[in-house]
Amino acid sequence: MLLGTHTFEELFQQLGLPSSPAQIEKFVQMHSPIQKHVALPYAYFWNDDQAEFIKEAISEDSEWCGLVDQLDVLLRH
């Protein structure tokens, strides 16, 4: 995995979502928990572009992969 220097704020910007710390916390609270059997890209709340970005981040082990993994963990609690 490539280690990037991106932040959650930048990840949310990439996803086209509000990206302040308070808005990120609100997003996580609104959409948690994701059921165990649902892979993150297939969660109901992503649009097609967001889901594709997440799939690519994971499958290509991109610089975003670590943050996407962290977001996955947050959304499952």
C-alpha atoms as a PDB file:
ATOM      1  CA  MET A   1       0.000   0.000   0.000  1.00  0.00           C
ATOM      2  CA  LEU A   2       1.241   3.448  -0.833  1.00  0.00           C
ATOM      3  CA  LEU A   3       1.380   5.740   2.134  1.00  0.00           C
ATOM      4  CA  GLY A   4      -0.177   9.051   1.262  1.00  0.00           C
ATOM      5  CA  THR A   5      -0.418  12.246   3.151  1.00  0.00           C
ATOM      6  CA  HIS A   6      -4.084  12.810   2.465  1.00  0.00           C
ATOM      7  CA  THR A   7      -6.578  13.684   5.171  1.00  0.00           C
ATOM      8  CA  PHE A   8     -10.184  12.701   5.754  1.00  0.00           C
ATOM      9  CA  GLU A   9     -11.124  16.203   4.679  1.00  0.00           C
ATOM     10  CA  GLU A  10      -9.436  15.620   1.311  1.00  0.00           C
ATOM     11  CA  LEU A  11     -11.077  12.206   0.960  1.00  0.00           C
ATOM     12  CA  PHE A  12     -14.492  13.745   1.493  1.00  0.00           C
ATOM     13  CA  GLN A  13     -13.646  16.470  -1.022  1.00  0.00           C
ATOM     14  CA  GLN A  14     -12.692  13.757  -3.539  1.00  0.00           C
ATOM     15  CA  LEU A  15     -16.076  12.157  -2.887  1.00  0.00           C
ATOM     16  CA  GLY A  16     -17.835  15.488  -3.415  1.00  0.00           C
ATOM     17  CA  LEU A  17     -19.074  15.596   0.165  1.00  0.00           C
ATOM     18  CA  PRO A  18     -18.967  18.316   2.814  1.00  0.00           C
ATOM     19  CA  SER A  19     -15.537  18.025   4.364  1.00  0.00           C
ATOM     20  CA  SER A  20     -15.286  19.931   7.632  1.00  0.00           C
ATOM     21  CA  PRO A  21     -14.557  17.765  10.686  1.00  0.00           C
ATOM     22  CA  ALA A  22     -18.093  18.389  11.992  1.00  0.00           C
ATOM     23  CA  GLN A  23     -19.639  17.448   8.626  1.00  0.00           C
ATOM     24  CA  ILE A  24     -17.545  14.284   8.431  1.00  0.00           C
ATOM     25  CA  GLU A  25     -18.636  13.300  11.937  1.00  0.00           C
ATOM     26  CA  LYS A  26     -22.265  13.953  11.011  1.00  0.00           C
ATOM     27  CA  PHE A  27     -21.923  11.822   7.861  1.00  0.00           C
ATOM     28  CA  VAL A  28     -20.473   8.926   9.854  1.00  0.00           C
ATOM     29  CA  GLN A  29     -23.217   9.192  12.480  1.00  0.00           C
ATOM     30  CA  MET A  30     -25.962   9.349   9.834  1.00  0.00           C
ATOM     31  CA  HIS A  31     -24.741   6.328   7.878  1.00  0.00           C
ATOM     32  CA  SER A  32     -23.469   4.022  10.635  1.00  0.00           C
ATOM     33  CA  PRO A  33     -23.453   1.167  11.050  1.00  0.00           C
ATOM     34  CA  ILE A  34     -23.070  -0.513   7.686  1.00  0.00           C
ATOM     35  CA  GLN A  35     -24.064  -4.164   7.892  1.00  0.00           C
ATOM     36  CA  LYS A  36     -21.146  -6.614   7.942  1.00  0.00           C
ATOM     37  CA  HIS A  37     -22.135  -8.316   4.696  1.00  0.00           C
ATOM     38  CA  VAL A  38     -22.170  -5.055   2.697  1.00  0.00           C
ATOM     39  CA  ALA A  39     -18.855  -4.049   1.141  1.00  0.00           C
ATOM     40  CA  LEU A  40     -18.173  -0.325   1.534  1.00  0.00           C
ATOM     41  CA  PRO A  41     -18.546   0.580  -2.162  1.00  0.00           C
ATOM     42  CA  TYR A  42     -22.017  -1.017  -2.176  1.00  0.00           C
ATOM     43  CA  ALA A  43     -23.415   0.918   0.772  1.00  0.00           C
ATOM     44  CA  TYR A  44     -26.754   2.476  -0.137  1.00  0.00           C
ATOM     45  CA  PHE A  45     -25.693   6.094   0.339  1.00  0.00           C
ATOM     46  CA  TRP A  46     -22.985   6.378  -2.343  1.00  0.00           C
ATOM     47  CA  ASN A  47     -23.757   7.637  -5.812  1.00  0.00           C
ATOM     48  CA  ASP A  48     -22.212   5.809  -8.776  1.00  0.00           C
ATOM     49  CA  ASP A  49     -19.127   8.039  -8.991  1.00  0.00           C
ATOM     50  CA  GLN A  50     -18.433   7.792  -5.267  1.00  0.00           C
ATOM     51  CA  ALA A  51     -18.804   4.011  -5.308  1.00  0.00           C
ATOM     52  CA  GLU A  52     -16.461   3.756  -8.284  1.00  0.00           C
ATOM     53  CA  PHE A  53     -13.847   5.941  -6.583  1.00  0.00           C
ATOM     54  CA  ILE A  54     -13.965   3.732  -3.482  1.00  0.00           C
ATOM     55  CA  LYS A  55     -13.757   0.522  -5.543  1.00  0.00           C
ATOM     56  CA  GLU A  56     -10.741   1.846  -7.443  1.00  0.00           C
ATOM     57  CA  ALA A  57      -9.024   3.070  -4.288  1.00  0.00           C
ATOM     58  CA  ILE A  58      -9.282  -0.428  -2.839  1.00  0.00           C
ATOM     59  CA  SER A  59      -8.580  -2.507  -5.938  1.00  0.00           C
ATOM     60  CA  GLU A  60      -5.639  -0.392  -7.101  1.00  0.00           C
ATOM     61  CA  ASP A  61      -4.245  -0.025  -3.575  1.00  0.00           C
ATOM     62  CA  SER A  62      -4.103   3.689  -4.320  1.00  0.00           C
ATOM     63  CA  GLU A  63      -2.891   6.501  -2.130  1.00  0.00           C
ATOM     64  CA  TRP A  64      -6.501   6.777  -0.871  1.00  0.00           C
ATOM     65  CA  CYS A  65      -6.750   3.137   0.194  1.00  0.00           C
ATOM     66  CA  GLY A  66      -5.692   3.676   3.815  1.00  0.00           C
ATOM     67  CA  LEU A  67      -8.224   6.439   4.359  1.00  0.00           C
ATOM     68  CA  VAL A  68     -10.959   4.441   2.627  1.00  0.00           C
ATOM     69  CA  ASP A  69     -10.164   1.535   4.978  1.00  0.00           C
ATOM     70  CA  GLN A  70     -10.341   3.857   7.978  1.00  0.00           C
ATOM     71  CA  LEU A  71     -13.668   5.233   6.774  1.00  0.00           C
ATOM     72  CA  ASP A  72     -14.946   1.671   6.400  1.00  0.00           C
ATOM     73  CA  VAL A  73     -14.039   0.938  10.021  1.00  0.00           C
ATOM     74  CA  LEU A  74     -15.731   4.141  11.245  1.00  0.00           C
ATOM     75  CA  LEU A  75     -18.915   3.353   9.330  1.00  0.00           C
ATOM     76  CA  ARG A  76     -19.188  -0.111  10.873  1.00  0.00           C
ATOM     77  CA  HIS A  77     -19.279   1.065  14.497  1.00  0.00           C
END
